[in-house]
Structure formats: structure tokens, C-alpha cells
């Protein structure tokens, strides 16, 4: 029996753990447990790392989305085009902010929106577009979609929950549009345990976002409520963890790309499976390593056979897509068959183990067993 390979694993080397321990002690001794110097420093360094003027640390990627939408000025009844292939937070944030998500199909290669999927969904009520960087890939269509939004007088929001450190043609995720929303959930490329970040180049957006994240107060030390906000703050301990993780981000992305190359080479020409293609100009952080099974191969059987060999796949991004989720079928009146591309590709996608401490030997073990399982299945 070979090694046991989990789908994902947070990365905290010993020296980083020691640094976090020292930072936590400093925070506890300071008595400033929220919106203090660690949060400010994390925001400054995250903004610099992603090439934007402003970054605002918040409690989750979900809150980052709603804060961004409300800060951009979404109004009741506004329509926002959202890919059906996304996490519930993308669509739910639109609803919670007062708008209505309008689902669209996806490009099967990028798993994201493109001009062909967006254009039929545009109406007089359309107010904005949310581009989701699935699995860490900033789609090559992102600049075109951003231009379409600008030329049409629409806002452009990036759901960059997966995409810390990813870029296309030198522009980092979170820097293409009016705002970006990042997540630091434990499975992400860098984590704060729980947490998120809003990025923007707009003074107006960051000002309103800073009010909304702190109960709608005009400032941290004020009791005057100028907006209806929530407790969406990031605490200082989370920010300290984020700072330690962020300083390794470029190295982490490079490591994950080397692992992805092992998968790419090992699966090249394999029958029954096709890795998601690479795109010129795109730096993918490989939050997920996505591949697609041939039609007719049973995904659950494939994953079960790998588990029996000690290899566990990650959760698909995303199955089921939004339009097949019961809550959204009730809320939006969508149904099976409306978005055939998303239904097809998300039903066949598999996410091979991918995490920063995955060894090259383990990656080759994964490839070997993927090939053997596919052969057993008659691919």
C-alpha cells in the first residue's frame, strides 16, 4: 500500500507557527484584538501584492462579496449576471444585497463566463457582472468581459475567492474591475482560518466598505450609524496569520505550479481523462487541479477506487451548479437543462489532490493510480 494522499491540507511550516505564536502574544498583550495594526498591515501588503490601491480585511469571502456589491451601489431589483458554475455565496450575496442574480452558462475550457454566455443575458435591468475565477484560473476572457461591462455602464466584480496570487497578462486577480472579493477559508492557497478581503482602486468603494464592515459606524471609535452594516470585521489574530501566509504567496504559487506540471505530464495522452488546459499569459495558483473524465465514466466509482488506493479527490468546483440547487430553483425559477455546458463539464470534473506540502513523489503516486483506475474502468 502506498502513501495516503488527502485532497487538501493547510500549509504552516514550523517557523511560521513560531511567528504566529509570537504575534498572538503581542496582540493579547496590546489589548487591541480587532482592527488594529496587524489588520492594517495585512491590508497594505495584500493590496501591494495584488497591484491595487486598497484592500479591506473582512470576516469571510462571503461577506467580502456582499460588502463589495453594496459599496458599488447595487439597488433593489438590479440584475447581476452570475455564472451558474459557482459557490452559493456568489449568487446569495446578490440577493442579500437587494439584487437578483441572473444565471449564465460557462465556457467549457475556462469554467467561467465569456462574452458569448453573457450577451444573451443583458437586459435594461442589468447592473453588473460577476466574474468567478474558478479553481484559481483568471480566464483569458476577463479583460474582454471587463471592457464590455465598462462600455455598457455596468459594474464588474471579481469573485476571486480561489485566486490569491493568480494573474492574467500581468494583472493580478482583484485588479480588473470595480472590486474583487477574496476568501481565506482553510482550504484556500493562503488562509486566515476564516476571513476575506475586498480589493478596489476606488476611494468611494473602500470608504463605504469600511463603514459596512463595522456595523455601519462612520468610524471605528464613533457611535454614529450612517449605514446599516454588520459585524464583518477581521480580528487581529486572523490578520497576523494572514500576514505570515501572504509573505510566502509567490513561493506557494510556484510550488503548486510545479506539482501541476507533474500532473500535466503524467496525464498527457492518458485515456479517459483530460486535464484543464493551460492558457498563455495566465498564472494559475492551482487552488484546484481540475481534470475531466470522458463521458460514460462514472465519477463516483472513479473517486471510490482512488480512495481505496489512498488517494482522495477534492470537492468539485462546482457540483451541482447553482441552477440544480433546490433553493435557487425555488428562488430563481431555474431548472435542469437550461445550462447544458455547465451541466456537462461539472458532472465530469474531478479535483486531484493539490496542496503546498504535497510532495513530488506523492503527485507521481496520484498519477500512477489515476492511470491504473482508468484502465480498470475500461477507459
Foldseek 3Di string as FASTA:
>chain_A
DDAFFEQFDFDADPVNVVQLVVQVVVCVVVVAWFPDDLQVVLFVLLCVLQVADTKHKWFFLLVLLLLLCVLVPDAAAAEEEEELLADPSNQVSQVVNRYHYDYWFPDLQQRWHAPVGVVVVDDPRHAAYEIERPQQWPDPRLLVVQVVCVVVNHFYEYACQAHRNKDFLPRGPQRRTAKYKYGQDRLHQHHLNGIIMIGGNDPSSVQSSQCQCCQQANDPPDPDHPDGHDVTTDTSSSSSSSVSSSVCQVVLLVLQVVLLVLLQVLCVPFPFKAWRDDDPRIRGSRSWGKMFGDPPFQPVQLQVQVVVVNWHWDQFSDPPGNLPDVVCCVVPVHHPPPHVSSRVRSNGMITGRTYSPQDSVNSVVSSVSSSVSVVVRVD
